Amino acid sequence: MSTSSLNTYLQFEKIMKASSCHFVLSGESDYKHLTKVFPELLTFFLKETDQLPEDEEIMQMFIELNIRDLERNVKPEGYNRKGRMRLIFPLDRKEFYIRSTSKPAEVTRLGEKISAMLKAADVDHVMEMDTVDGVR
C-alpha cells in the first residue's frame, strides 16, 4: 500500500471511529454569532438523536436559556443531559462539540450536517473529529 493510500485509509478510519465532533469557532466568529442558527441547530440535534422533549415548553426553555447566553456572547449550557449524545460547550475553549457514547458513525453524519448549518449561517469554524481514545 502506498503512503498516500495508507494516509487516506487512516483518515477514513479515524472518522469512522469518532466519538466526538468539535466545531472550533474561528476568525471573527464568537458565541454571539451562533444566536440565529442555535434554535435550528439544537432542534435538529435533539430530533436526530431521539432526545427531543415531548413538552414543547421544555424545548422552548432549553432554547431560550441558551439564546440568552449567546446574545451576551457567553458560553451557553448546550445540552449536557444524560443520554446517548450530548451537545457540549467547554469552559476553556471557543468551541462546542457533540459526543456519543454509542454510535460513532452517527457523530460523523450529524457533525457534517451541523457544519453545513454553521456555514449557511456564516459562522466561521473548523470541524475536527476526535477519536475514541480522545486524541484529536
Protein backbone atom coordinates (compact mmCIF):
# COMPACT_ATOMS: atom_id res chain seq x y z
CA MET A 1 0.00 0.00 0.00
CA SER A 2 1.40 3.40 -0.94
CA THR A 3 1.95 6.12 1.65
CA SER A 4 -0.87 8.19 0.13
CA SER A 5 -3.30 5.26 0.24
CA LEU A 6 -2.29 4.47 3.81
CA ASN A 7 -2.84 8.10 4.90
CA THR A 8 -6.26 8.16 3.21
CA TYR A 9 -7.19 4.87 4.92
CA LEU A 10 -6.05 6.14 8.34
CA GLN A 11 -8.06 9.37 7.94
CA PHE A 12 -11.15 7.36 6.97
CA GLU A 13 -10.66 5.00 9.92
CA LYS A 14 -10.31 7.98 12.30
CA ILE A 15 -13.59 9.49 11.04
CA MET A 16 -15.43 6.17 11.34
CA LYS A 17 -14.24 5.71 14.95
CA ALA A 18 -15.00 9.27 16.04
CA SER A 19 -16.73 9.59 19.39
CA SER A 20 -16.98 13.36 19.14
CA CYS A 21 -17.06 16.12 16.56
CA HIS A 22 -15.72 19.55 17.52
CA PHE A 23 -16.75 22.88 15.99
CA VAL A 24 -13.96 25.32 16.77
CA LEU A 25 -15.07 28.90 16.16
CA SER A 26 -12.52 30.71 14.04
CA GLY A 27 -11.82 34.12 12.62
CA GLU A 28 -14.20 36.77 13.93
CA SER A 29 -16.82 34.19 14.96
CA ASP A 30 -17.79 34.10 18.61
CA TYR A 31 -20.68 32.73 20.68
CA LYS A 32 -22.93 35.64 19.71
CA HIS A 33 -22.70 34.57 16.05
CA LEU A 34 -24.48 31.31 16.94
CA THR A 35 -27.63 33.15 18.09
CA LYS A 36 -29.55 32.93 14.80
CA VAL A 37 -28.70 29.31 14.00
CA PHE A 38 -28.88 27.87 17.52
CA PRO A 39 -32.65 27.15 17.71
CA GLU A 40 -32.47 25.20 14.44
CA LEU A 41 -29.22 23.51 15.45
CA LEU A 42 -30.49 22.38 18.87
CA THR A 43 -33.83 21.20 17.47
CA PHE A 44 -32.05 19.25 14.70
CA PHE A 45 -29.62 17.69 17.19
CA LEU A 46 -32.34 16.59 19.60
CA LYS A 47 -34.62 15.23 16.84
CA GLU A 48 -31.82 13.28 15.17
CA THR A 49 -30.72 11.74 18.47
CA ASP A 50 -34.26 10.95 19.65
CA GLN A 51 -33.89 13.25 22.66
CA LEU A 52 -36.48 15.89 21.71
CA PRO A 53 -38.62 16.70 24.78
CA GLU A 54 -42.26 15.76 24.39
CA ASP A 55 -43.34 19.01 26.04
CA GLU A 56 -42.86 21.99 23.66
CA GLU A 57 -42.49 24.35 26.65
CA ILE A 58 -39.44 22.44 27.85
CA MET A 59 -37.88 22.69 24.39
CA GLN A 60 -38.54 26.44 24.28
CA MET A 61 -36.95 26.76 27.72
CA PHE A 62 -33.77 24.98 26.51
CA ILE A 63 -33.60 27.28 23.50
CA GLU A 64 -34.34 30.46 25.48
CA LEU A 65 -31.75 29.77 28.20
CA ASN A 66 -29.04 29.12 25.61
CA ILE A 67 -30.02 32.12 23.43
CA ARG A 68 -29.81 34.48 26.42
CA ASP A 69 -26.19 33.45 26.96
CA LEU A 70 -25.33 33.58 23.26
CA GLU A 71 -26.76 37.10 22.90
CA ARG A 72 -24.46 38.20 25.75
CA ASN A 73 -21.56 36.39 24.00
CA VAL A 74 -21.26 34.00 26.95
CA LYS A 75 -20.73 30.23 26.85
CA PRO A 76 -24.19 28.62 26.80
CA GLU A 77 -25.26 25.45 28.59
CA GLY A 78 -25.78 23.40 25.42
CA TYR A 79 -27.47 20.04 26.01
CA ASN A 80 -25.45 18.06 28.54
CA ARG A 81 -28.15 15.72 29.85
CA LYS A 82 -27.89 12.01 30.42
CA GLY A 83 -28.39 10.40 27.03
CA ARG A 84 -26.62 8.72 24.17
CA MET A 85 -25.41 12.03 22.71
CA ARG A 86 -24.56 15.40 24.18
CA LEU A 87 -24.00 18.92 22.84
CA ILE A 88 -21.25 20.43 24.98
CA PHE A 89 -19.70 23.90 25.23
CA PRO A 90 -16.39 23.54 27.12
CA LEU A 91 -15.44 26.16 29.69
CA ASP A 92 -11.95 26.87 28.42
CA ARG A 93 -12.29 26.99 24.61
CA LYS A 94 -14.28 28.91 21.99
CA GLU A 95 -15.90 25.79 20.55
CA PHE A 96 -18.67 23.28 21.03
CA TYR A 97 -18.86 19.60 20.28
CA ILE A 98 -21.18 16.64 20.06
CA ARG A 99 -20.22 13.45 21.87
CA SER A 100 -21.67 9.98 21.58
CA THR A 101 -21.29 7.09 23.95
CA SER A 102 -22.52 4.51 21.48
CA LYS A 103 -22.71 5.35 17.74
CA PRO A 104 -19.52 6.70 16.15
CA ALA A 105 -20.95 6.75 12.60
CA GLU A 106 -23.79 8.96 13.82
CA VAL A 107 -21.28 11.50 15.16
CA THR A 108 -19.77 11.90 11.70
CA ARG A 109 -23.16 12.22 9.98
CA LEU A 110 -24.51 14.77 12.48
CA GLY A 111 -21.21 16.66 12.52
CA GLU A 112 -21.30 17.17 8.77
CA LYS A 113 -24.90 18.42 8.89
CA ILE A 114 -24.21 20.79 11.79
CA SER A 115 -21.13 22.11 9.99
CA ALA A 116 -23.29 22.82 6.92
CA MET A 117 -25.79 24.68 9.13
CA LEU A 118 -22.99 26.80 10.58
CA LYS A 119 -21.63 27.58 7.11
CA ALA A 120 -25.09 28.60 5.89
CA ALA A 121 -25.32 30.96 8.88
CA ASP A 122 -21.87 32.42 8.07
CA VAL A 123 -20.31 31.15 11.30
CA ASP A 124 -16.60 30.63 10.66
CA HIS A 125 -15.45 27.38 12.18
CA VAL A 126 -13.19 24.38 11.78
CA MET A 127 -14.68 20.91 12.22
CA GLU A 128 -12.41 18.37 13.93
CA MET A 129 -13.11 14.72 14.60
CA ASP A 130 -12.00 13.27 17.92
CA THR A 131 -11.13 9.60 18.04
CA VAL A 132 -12.27 7.07 20.60
CA ASP A 133 -9.07 7.40 22.61
CA GLY A 134 -9.59 11.15 22.94
CA VAL A 135 -6.68 12.22 20.73
CA ARG A 136 -7.51 14.83 18.12
